[in-house]
Amino acid sequence: MFQFMGSVALAYLAGTGVVTAAAVMGKGMVRAVRKAIANDLRDAGVEALAALAVPAVLSYTAVSSLIGEVVNGASRLAGDALEGPNVELPDQDAA
């Protein structure tokens, strides 16, 4: 059952990622075609290249945001552990 649910979750995430990337690229390509029809070929080329680069930029932004959240959460959880103990340790001569 767990394997089935994991497969469904992975398929959902992959599907939404593909749909999002296709929509963003399609929007950029439509802009490029519109500019090419208006005889603005330089801007049409820029729009086409940007449409291809946007999914990579979105992925980079999402991953860097996730890493930032993980690092911030870990540093909050660690708290004062990196600064050393807050209580005095017993004297070694007492033993």
PDB file of N, CA and C in Angstrom:
ATOM      1  N   MET A   1       0.830  -1.191   0.000  1.00  0.00           N
ATOM      2  CA  MET A   1       0.000   0.000   0.000  1.00  0.00           C
ATOM      3  C   MET A   1       0.877   1.258   0.000  1.00  0.00           C
ATOM      4  N   PHE A   2       1.948   1.222   0.840  1.00  0.00           N
ATOM      5  CA  PHE A   2       2.828   2.384   0.921  1.00  0.00           C
ATOM      6  C   PHE A   2       3.529   2.624  -0.408  1.00  0.00           C
ATOM      7  N   GLN A   3       3.908   1.539  -1.094  1.00  0.00           N
ATOM      8  CA  GLN A   3       4.566   1.692  -2.394  1.00  0.00           C
ATOM      9  C   GLN A   3       3.611   2.301  -3.413  1.00  0.00           C
ATOM     10  N   PHE A   4       2.367   1.912  -3.375  1.00  0.00           N
ATOM     11  CA  PHE A   4       1.375   2.453  -4.294  1.00  0.00           C
ATOM     12  C   PHE A   4       1.177   3.943  -4.046  1.00  0.00           C
ATOM     13  N   MET A   5       1.050   4.325  -2.768  1.00  0.00           N
ATOM     14  CA  MET A   5       0.854   5.740  -2.439  1.00  0.00           C
ATOM     15  C   MET A   5       2.092   6.560  -2.805  1.00  0.00           C
ATOM     16  N   GLY A   6       3.271   5.980  -2.616  1.00  0.00           N
ATOM     17  CA  GLY A   6       4.497   6.668  -3.007  1.00  0.00           C
ATOM     18  C   GLY A   6       4.564   6.865  -4.511  1.00  0.00           C
ATOM     19  N   SER A   7       4.147   5.860  -5.255  1.00  0.00           N
ATOM     20  CA  SER A   7       4.136   5.971  -6.714  1.00  0.00           C
ATOM     21  C   SER A   7       3.146   7.030  -7.180  1.00  0.00           C
ATOM     22  N   VAL A   8       1.980   7.073  -6.560  1.00  0.00           N
ATOM     23  CA  VAL A   8       0.978   8.079  -6.914  1.00  0.00           C
ATOM     24  C   VAL A   8       1.490   9.481  -6.591  1.00  0.00           C
ATOM     25  N   ALA A   9       2.126   9.643  -5.430  1.00  0.00           N
ATOM     26  CA  ALA A   9       2.658  10.956  -5.049  1.00  0.00           C
ATOM     27  C   ALA A   9       3.765  11.391  -6.009  1.00  0.00           C
ATOM     28  N   LEU A  10       4.646  10.464  -6.380  1.00  0.00           N
ATOM     29  CA  LEU A  10       5.720  10.794  -7.313  1.00  0.00           C
ATOM     30  C   LEU A  10       5.164  11.144  -8.688  1.00  0.00           C
ATOM     31  N   ALA A  11       4.175  10.400  -9.144  1.00  0.00           N
ATOM     32  CA  ALA A  11       3.555  10.699 -10.436  1.00  0.00           C
ATOM     33  C   ALA A  11       2.854  12.056 -10.403  1.00  0.00           C
ATOM     34  N   TYR A  12       2.216  12.370  -9.289  1.00  0.00           N
ATOM     35  CA  TYR A  12       1.556  13.676  -9.152  1.00  0.00           C
ATOM     36  C   TYR A  12       2.575  14.804  -9.226  1.00  0.00           C
ATOM     37  N   LEU A  13       3.663  14.678  -8.468  1.00  0.00           N
ATOM     38  CA  LEU A  13       4.684  15.726  -8.465  1.00  0.00           C
ATOM     39  C   LEU A  13       5.334  15.877  -9.835  1.00  0.00           C
ATOM     40  N   ALA A  14       5.658  14.761 -10.471  1.00  0.00           N
ATOM     41  CA  ALA A  14       6.269  14.828 -11.797  1.00  0.00           C
ATOM     42  C   ALA A  14       5.289  15.420 -12.807  1.00  0.00           C
ATOM     43  N   GLY A  15       4.033  15.026 -12.717  1.00  0.00           N
ATOM     44  CA  GLY A  15       3.018  15.545 -13.640  1.00  0.00           C
ATOM     45  C   GLY A  15       2.799  17.033 -13.498  1.00  0.00           C
ATOM     46  N   THR A  16       2.722  17.489 -12.263  1.00  0.00           N
ATOM     47  CA  THR A  16       2.527  18.926 -12.077  1.00  0.00           C
ATOM     48  C   THR A  16       3.751  19.704 -12.518  1.00  0.00           C
ATOM     49  N   GLY A  17       4.928  19.152 -12.329  1.00  0.00           N
ATOM     50  CA  GLY A  17       6.142  19.820 -12.791  1.00  0.00           C
ATOM     51  C   GLY A  17       6.192  19.927 -14.306  1.00  0.00           C
ATOM     52  N   VAL A  18       5.807  18.858 -14.983  1.00  0.00           N
ATOM     53  CA  VAL A  18       5.804  18.869 -16.448  1.00  0.00           C
ATOM     54  C   VAL A  18       4.763  19.848 -16.974  1.00  0.00           C
ATOM     55  N   VAL A  19       3.587  19.850 -16.370  1.00  0.00           N
ATOM     56  CA  VAL A  19       2.525  20.755 -16.817  1.00  0.00           C
ATOM     57  C   VAL A  19       2.933  22.213 -16.592  1.00  0.00           C
ATOM     58  N   THR A  20       3.523  22.499 -15.441  1.00  0.00           N
ATOM     59  CA  THR A  20       3.955  23.868 -15.157  1.00  0.00           C
ATOM     60  C   THR A  20       5.030  24.313 -16.140  1.00  0.00           C
ATOM     61  N   ALA A  21       6.032  23.469 -16.360  1.00  0.00           N
ATOM     62  CA  ALA A  21       7.105  23.824 -17.293  1.00  0.00           C
ATOM     63  C   ALA A  21       6.567  24.010 -18.710  1.00  0.00           C
ATOM     64  N   ALA A  22       5.662  23.138 -19.125  1.00  0.00           N
ATOM     65  CA  ALA A  22       5.088  23.265 -20.472  1.00  0.00           C
ATOM     66  C   ALA A  22       4.274  24.552 -20.616  1.00  0.00           C
ATOM     67  N   ALA A  23       3.535  24.900 -19.574  1.00  0.00           N
ATOM     68  CA  ALA A  23       2.732  26.126 -19.639  1.00  0.00           C
ATOM     69  C   ALA A  23       3.617  27.369 -19.709  1.00  0.00           C
ATOM     70  N   VAL A  24       4.676  27.389 -18.918  1.00  0.00           N
ATOM     71  CA  VAL A  24       5.573  28.546 -18.922  1.00  0.00           C
ATOM     72  C   VAL A  24       6.292  28.647 -20.261  1.00  0.00           C
ATOM     73  N   MET A  25       6.773  27.510 -20.773  1.00  0.00           N
ATOM     74  CA  MET A  25       7.458  27.536 -22.071  1.00  0.00           C
ATOM     75  C   MET A  25       6.493  27.889 -23.196  1.00  0.00           C
ATOM     76  N   GLY A  26       5.286  27.373 -23.132  1.00  0.00           N
ATOM     77  CA  GLY A  26       4.292  27.698 -24.153  1.00  0.00           C
ATOM     78  C   GLY A  26       3.957  29.170 -24.178  1.00  0.00           C
ATOM     79  N   LYS A  27       3.819  29.759 -23.001  1.00  0.00           N
ATOM     80  CA  LYS A  27       3.533  31.188 -22.921  1.00  0.00           C
ATOM     81  C   LYS A  27       4.659  32.003 -23.548  1.00  0.00           C
ATOM     82  N   GLY A  28       5.899  31.640 -23.265  1.00  0.00           N
ATOM     83  CA  GLY A  28       7.036  32.342 -23.852  1.00  0.00           C
ATOM     84  C   GLY A  28       7.123  32.154 -25.360  1.00  0.00           C
ATOM     85  N   MET A  29       6.816  30.957 -25.827  1.00  0.00           N
ATOM     86  CA  MET A  29       6.856  30.703 -27.274  1.00  0.00           C
ATOM     87  C   MET A  29       5.756  31.462 -28.010  1.00  0.00           C
ATOM     88  N   VAL A  30       4.589  31.593 -27.377  1.00  0.00           N
ATOM     89  CA  VAL A  30       3.515  32.376 -27.995  1.00  0.00           C
ATOM     90  C   VAL A  30       3.941  33.831 -28.110  1.00  0.00           C
ATOM     91  N   ARG A  31       4.587  34.350 -27.079  1.00  0.00           N
ATOM     92  CA  ARG A  31       5.101  35.723 -27.150  1.00  0.00           C
ATOM     93  C   ARG A  31       6.133  35.857 -28.267  1.00  0.00           C
ATOM     94  N   ALA A  32       6.999  34.849 -28.406  1.00  0.00           N
ATOM     95  CA  ALA A  32       8.023  34.890 -29.451  1.00  0.00           C
ATOM     96  C   ALA A  32       7.395  34.882 -30.838  1.00  0.00           C
ATOM     97  N   VAL A  33       6.376  34.061 -31.022  1.00  0.00           N
ATOM     98  CA  VAL A  33       5.696  34.003 -32.331  1.00  0.00           C
ATOM     99  C   VAL A  33       5.008  35.327 -32.624  1.00  0.00           C
ATOM    100  N   ARG A  34       4.366  35.906 -31.603  1.00  0.00           N
ATOM    101  CA  ARG A  34       3.717  37.205 -31.802  1.00  0.00           C
ATOM    102  C   ARG A  34       4.714  38.271 -32.228  1.00  0.00           C
ATOM    103  N   LYS A  35       5.883  38.282 -31.603  1.00  0.00           N
ATOM    104  CA  LYS A  35       6.895  39.271 -31.963  1.00  0.00           C
ATOM    105  C   LYS A  35       7.484  38.987 -33.337  1.00  0.00           C
ATOM    106  N   ALA A  36       7.601  37.701 -33.693  1.00  0.00           N
ATOM    107  CA  ALA A  36       8.113  37.359 -35.021  1.00  0.00           C
ATOM    108  C   ALA A  36       7.123  37.790 -36.101  1.00  0.00           C
ATOM    109  N   ILE A  37       5.839  37.643 -35.827  1.00  0.00           N
ATOM    110  CA  ILE A  37       4.815  38.069 -36.794  1.00  0.00           C
ATOM    111  C   ILE A  37       4.841  39.586 -36.947  1.00  0.00           C
ATOM    112  N   ALA A  38       5.152  40.293 -35.850  1.00  0.00           N
ATOM    113  CA  ALA A  38       5.226  41.750 -35.900  1.00  0.00           C
ATOM    114  C   ALA A  38       6.554  42.223 -36.502  1.00  0.00           C
ATOM    115  N   ASN A  39       7.363  41.290 -37.019  1.00  0.00           N
ATOM    116  CA  ASN A  39       8.627  41.566 -37.698  1.00  0.00           C
ATOM    117  C   ASN A  39       9.691  42.106 -36.741  1.00  0.00           C
ATOM    118  N   ASP A  40       9.623  41.717 -35.485  1.00  0.00           N
ATOM    119  CA  ASP A  40      10.628  42.075 -34.492  1.00  0.00           C
ATOM    120  C   ASP A  40      11.395  40.803 -34.148  1.00  0.00           C
ATOM    121  N   LEU A  41      12.291  40.388 -35.062  1.00  0.00           N
ATOM    122  CA  LEU A  41      12.939  39.090 -34.948  1.00  0.00           C
ATOM    123  C   LEU A  41      13.944  39.033 -33.796  1.00  0.00           C
ATOM    124  N   ARG A  42      14.582  40.138 -33.493  1.00  0.00           N
ATOM    125  CA  ARG A  42      15.558  40.125 -32.400  1.00  0.00           C
ATOM    126  C   ARG A  42      14.862  39.834 -31.069  1.00  0.00           C
ATOM    127  N   ASP A  43      13.787  40.544 -30.788  1.00  0.00           N
ATOM    128  CA  ASP A  43      13.050  40.306 -29.549  1.00  0.00           C
ATOM    129  C   ASP A  43      12.366  38.939 -29.554  1.00  0.00           C
ATOM    130  N   ALA A  44      11.995  38.460 -30.734  1.00  0.00           N
ATOM    131  CA  ALA A  44      11.395  37.127 -30.824  1.00  0.00           C
ATOM    132  C   ALA A  44      12.413  36.063 -30.412  1.00  0.00           C
ATOM    133  N   GLY A  45      13.652  36.230 -30.835  1.00  0.00           N
ATOM    134  CA  GLY A  45      14.699  35.291 -30.435  1.00  0.00           C
ATOM    135  C   GLY A  45      14.977  35.333 -28.947  1.00  0.00           C
ATOM    136  N   VAL A  46      14.973  36.536 -28.391  1.00  0.00           N
ATOM    137  CA  VAL A  46      15.187  36.679 -26.949  1.00  0.00           C
ATOM    138  C   VAL A  46      14.054  36.013 -26.180  1.00  0.00           C
ATOM    139  N   GLU A  47      12.832  36.211 -26.624  1.00  0.00           N
ATOM    140  CA  GLU A  47      11.678  35.580 -25.959  1.00  0.00           C
ATOM    141  C   GLU A  47      11.756  34.055 -26.047  1.00  0.00           C
ATOM    142  N   ALA A  48      12.170  33.540 -27.196  1.00  0.00           N
ATOM    143  CA  ALA A  48      12.268  32.086 -27.356  1.00  0.00           C
ATOM    144  C   ALA A  48      13.333  31.499 -26.433  1.00  0.00           C
ATOM    145  N   LEU A  49      14.493  32.163 -26.339  1.00  0.00           N
ATOM    146  CA  LEU A  49      15.537  31.674 -25.438  1.00  0.00           C
ATOM    147  C   LEU A  49      15.114  31.785 -23.980  1.00  0.00           C
ATOM    148  N   ALA A  50      14.422  32.857 -23.650  1.00  0.00           N
ATOM    149  CA  ALA A  50      13.936  33.015 -22.281  1.00  0.00           C
ATOM    150  C   ALA A  50      12.903  31.951 -21.939  1.00  0.00           C
ATOM    151  N   ALA A  51      12.061  31.605 -22.902  1.00  0.00           N
ATOM    152  CA  ALA A  51      11.048  30.567 -22.664  1.00  0.00           C
ATOM    153  C   ALA A  51      11.704  29.227 -22.360  1.00  0.00           C
ATOM    154  N   LEU A  52      12.838  28.964 -22.964  1.00  0.00           N
ATOM    155  CA  LEU A  52      13.535  27.703 -22.704  1.00  0.00           C
ATOM    156  C   LEU A  52      14.285  27.731 -21.376  1.00  0.00           C
ATOM    157  N   ALA A  53      14.701  28.912 -20.929  1.00  0.00           N
ATOM    158  CA  ALA A  53      15.481  29.022 -19.696  1.00  0.00           C
ATOM    159  C   ALA A  53      14.616  29.129 -18.442  1.00  0.00           C
ATOM    160  N   VAL A  54      13.387  29.565 -18.578  1.00  0.00           N
ATOM    161  CA  VAL A  54      12.544  29.814 -17.406  1.00  0.00           C
ATOM    162  C   VAL A  54      12.321  28.567 -16.544  1.00  0.00           C
ATOM    163  N   PRO A  55      12.055  27.381 -17.093  1.00  0.00           N
ATOM    164  CA  PRO A  55      11.884  26.218 -16.202  1.00  0.00           C
ATOM    165  C   PRO A  55      13.118  25.927 -15.358  1.00  0.00           C
ATOM    166  N   ALA A  56      14.308  26.103 -15.919  1.00  0.00           N
ATOM    167  CA  ALA A  56      15.527  25.881 -15.142  1.00  0.00           C
ATOM    168  C   ALA A  56      15.652  26.909 -14.032  1.00  0.00           C
ATOM    169  N   VAL A  57      15.312  28.147 -14.321  1.00  0.00           N
ATOM    170  CA  VAL A  57      15.379  29.200 -13.300  1.00  0.00           C
ATOM    171  C   VAL A  57      14.348  28.945 -12.201  1.00  0.00           C
ATOM    172  N   LEU A  58      13.159  28.514 -12.568  1.00  0.00           N
ATOM    173  CA  LEU A  58      12.137  28.192 -11.566  1.00  0.00           C
ATOM    174  C   LEU A  58      12.601  27.046 -10.670  1.00  0.00           C
ATOM    175  N   SER A  59      13.201  26.031 -11.258  1.00  0.00           N
ATOM    176  CA  SER A  59      13.707  24.900 -10.469  1.00  0.00           C
ATOM    177  C   SER A  59      14.815  25.346  -9.527  1.00  0.00           C
ATOM    178  N   TYR A  60      15.737  26.161 -10.032  1.00  0.00           N
ATOM    179  CA  TYR A  60      16.825  26.664  -9.191  1.00  0.00           C
ATOM    180  C   TYR A  60      16.276  27.481  -8.026  1.00  0.00           C
ATOM    181  N   THR A  61      15.309  28.330  -8.289  1.00  0.00           N
ATOM    182  CA  THR A  61      14.722  29.157  -7.241  1.00  0.00           C
ATOM    183  C   THR A  61      14.027  28.305  -6.189  1.00  0.00           C
ATOM    184  N   ALA A  62      13.292  27.309  -6.629  1.00  0.00           N
ATOM    185  CA  ALA A  62      12.580  26.447  -5.686  1.00  0.00           C
ATOM    186  C   ALA A  62      13.549  25.652  -4.818  1.00  0.00           C
ATOM    187  N   VAL A  63      14.593  25.106  -5.425  1.00  0.00           N
ATOM    188  CA  VAL A  63      15.560  24.309  -4.668  1.00  0.00           C
ATOM    189  C   VAL A  63      16.347  25.186  -3.705  1.00  0.00           C
ATOM    190  N   SER A  64      16.754  26.375  -4.142  1.00  0.00           N
ATOM    191  CA  SER A  64      17.509  27.252  -3.239  1.00  0.00           C
ATOM    192  C   SER A  64      16.631  27.719  -2.079  1.00  0.00           C
ATOM    193  N   SER A  65      15.361  27.940  -2.321  1.00  0.00           N
ATOM    194  CA  SER A  65      14.446  28.311  -1.246  1.00  0.00           C
ATOM    195  C   SER A  65      14.290  27.159  -0.256  1.00  0.00           C
ATOM    196  N   LEU A  66      14.177  25.934  -0.763  1.00  0.00           N
ATOM    197  CA  LEU A  66      14.069  24.763   0.103  1.00  0.00           C
ATOM    198  C   LEU A  66      15.324  24.600   0.945  1.00  0.00           C
ATOM    199  N   ILE A  67      16.491  24.755   0.342  1.00  0.00           N
ATOM    200  CA  ILE A  67      17.736  24.616   1.087  1.00  0.00           C
ATOM    201  C   ILE A  67      17.841  25.701   2.159  1.00  0.00           C
ATOM    202  N   GLY A  68      17.436  26.914   1.834  1.00  0.00           N
ATOM    203  CA  GLY A  68      17.446  27.985   2.822  1.00  0.00           C
ATOM    204  C   GLY A  68      16.547  27.683   4.003  1.00  0.00           C
ATOM    205  N   GLU A  69      15.373  27.147   3.729  1.00  0.00           N
ATOM    206  CA  GLU A  69      14.451  26.794   4.813  1.00  0.00           C
ATOM    207  C   GLU A  69      15.026  25.685   5.684  1.00  0.00           C
ATOM    208  N   VAL A  70      15.661  24.700   5.068  1.00  0.00           N
ATOM    209  CA  VAL A  70      16.244  23.591   5.835  1.00  0.00           C
ATOM    210  C   VAL A  70      17.381  24.102   6.716  1.00  0.00           C
ATOM    211  N   VAL A  71      18.232  24.943   6.158  1.00  0.00           N
ATOM    212  CA  VAL A  71      19.356  25.477   6.939  1.00  0.00           C
ATOM    213  C   VAL A  71      18.845  26.341   8.089  1.00  0.00           C
ATOM    214  N   ASN A  72      17.866  27.196   7.834  1.00  0.00           N
ATOM    215  CA  ASN A  72      17.313  28.033   8.907  1.00  0.00           C
ATOM    216  C   ASN A  72      16.649  27.189   9.988  1.00  0.00           C
ATOM    217  N   GLY A  73      15.906  26.180   9.585  1.00  0.00           N
ATOM    218  CA  GLY A  73      15.261  25.304  10.563  1.00  0.00           C
ATOM    219  C   GLY A  73      16.273  24.528  11.389  1.00  0.00           C
ATOM    220  N   ALA A  74      17.329  24.040  10.737  1.00  0.00           N
ATOM    221  CA  ALA A  74      18.348  23.294  11.469  1.00  0.00           C
ATOM    222  C   ALA A  74      19.100  24.186  12.444  1.00  0.00           C
ATOM    223  N   SER A  75      19.372  25.424  12.051  1.00  0.00           N
ATOM    224  CA  SER A  75      20.084  26.319  12.965  1.00  0.00           C
ATOM    225  C   SER A  75      19.205  26.699  14.151  1.00  0.00           C
ATOM    226  N   ARG A  76      17.893  26.832  13.932  1.00  0.00           N
ATOM    227  CA  ARG A  76      16.990  27.107  15.056  1.00  0.00           C
ATOM    228  C   ARG A  76      16.895  25.911  15.987  1.00  0.00           C
ATOM    229  N   LEU A  77      16.873  24.693  15.413  1.00  0.00           N
ATOM    230  CA  LEU A  77      16.799  23.495  16.243  1.00  0.00           C
ATOM    231  C   LEU A  77      18.077  23.301  17.045  1.00  0.00           C
ATOM    232  N   ALA A  78      19.204  23.618  16.422  1.00  0.00           N
ATOM    233  CA  ALA A  78      20.477  23.444  17.116  1.00  0.00           C
ATOM    234  C   ALA A  78      20.589  24.421  18.273  1.00  0.00           C
ATOM    235  N   GLY A  79      20.036  25.614  18.087  1.00  0.00           N
ATOM    236  CA  GLY A  79      20.035  26.602  19.162  1.00  0.00           C
ATOM    237  C   GLY A  79      21.429  26.930  19.658  1.00  0.00           C
ATOM    238  N   ASP A  80      21.617  26.762  20.947  1.00  0.00           N
ATOM    239  CA  ASP A  80      22.879  27.113  21.580  1.00  0.00           C
ATOM    240  C   ASP A  80      23.874  25.951  21.574  1.00  0.00           C
ATOM    241  N   ALA A  81      23.563  24.863  20.933  1.00  0.00           N
ATOM    242  CA  ALA A  81      24.439  23.699  20.971  1.00  0.00           C
ATOM    243  C   ALA A  81      25.814  24.006  20.392  1.00  0.00           C
ATOM    244  N   LEU A  82      25.871  24.878  19.417  1.00  0.00           N
ATOM    245  CA  LEU A  82      27.160  25.204  18.814  1.00  0.00           C
ATOM    246  C   LEU A  82      27.969  26.164  19.674  1.00  0.00           C
ATOM    247  N   GLU A  83      27.321  26.855  20.600  1.00  0.00           N
ATOM    248  CA  GLU A  83      28.018  27.820  21.452  1.00  0.00           C
ATOM    249  C   GLU A  83      28.619  27.173  22.685  1.00  0.00           C
ATOM    250  N   GLY A  84      28.261  25.969  22.981  1.00  0.00           N
ATOM    251  CA  GLY A  84      28.798  25.272  24.150  1.00  0.00           C
ATOM    252  C   GLY A  84      27.733  25.092  25.209  1.00  0.00           C
ATOM    253  N   PRO A  85      28.066  24.354  26.251  1.00  0.00           N
ATOM    254  CA  PRO A  85      27.067  24.074  27.297  1.00  0.00           C
ATOM    255  C   PRO A  85      26.753  25.313  28.124  1.00  0.00           C
ATOM    256  N   ASN A  86      25.520  25.390  28.590  1.00  0.00           N
ATOM    257  CA  ASN A  86      25.078  26.510  29.424  1.00  0.00           C
ATOM    258  C   ASN A  86      25.268  26.222  30.910  1.00  0.00           C
ATOM    259  N   VAL A  87      25.458  24.974  31.261  1.00  0.00           N
ATOM    260  CA  VAL A  87      25.643  24.611  32.669  1.00  0.00           C
ATOM    261  C   VAL A  87      27.110  24.257  32.875  1.00  0.00           C
ATOM    262  N   GLU A  88      27.560  24.455  34.103  1.00  0.00           N
ATOM    263  CA  GLU A  88      28.940  24.117  34.404  1.00  0.00           C
ATOM    264  C   GLU A  88      29.093  22.610  34.506  1.00  0.00           C
ATOM    265  N   LEU A  89      30.159  22.127  33.960  1.00  0.00           N
ATOM    266  CA  LEU A  89      30.453  20.700  34.032  1.00  0.00           C
ATOM    267  C   LEU A  89      31.076  20.406  35.400  1.00  0.00           C
ATOM    268  N   PRO A  90      30.885  19.200  35.908  1.00  0.00           N
ATOM    269  CA  PRO A  90      31.467  18.861  37.221  1.00  0.00           C
ATOM    270  C   PRO A  90      33.008  18.894  37.141  1.00  0.00           C
ATOM    271  N   ASP A  91      33.612  19.236  38.243  1.00  0.00           N
ATOM    272  CA  ASP A  91      35.059  19.316  38.317  1.00  0.00           C
ATOM    273  C   ASP A  91      35.641  17.905  38.237  1.00  0.00           C
ATOM    274  N   GLN A  92      36.708  17.747  37.486  1.00  0.00           N
ATOM    275  CA  GLN A  92      37.302  16.414  37.338  1.00  0.00           C
ATOM    276  C   GLN A  92      37.979  15.950  38.611  1.00  0.00           C
ATOM    277  N   ASP A  93      38.370  16.871  39.468  1.00  0.00           N
ATOM    278  CA  ASP A  93      39.022  16.487  40.738  1.00  0.00           C
ATOM    279  C   ASP A  93      38.024  15.909  41.724  1.00  0.00           C
ATOM    280  N   ALA A  94      36.724  16.193  41.547  1.00  0.00           N
ATOM    281  CA  ALA A  94      35.714  15.716  42.489  1.00  0.00           C
ATOM    282  C   ALA A  94      35.533  14.221  42.377  1.00  0.00           C
ATOM    283  N   ALA A  95      35.880  13.629  41.273  1.00  0.00           N
ATOM    284  CA  ALA A  95      35.690  12.186  41.099  1.00  0.00           C
ATOM    285  C   ALA A  95      36.783  11.498  41.768  1.00  0.00           C
TER     286      ALA A  95
END
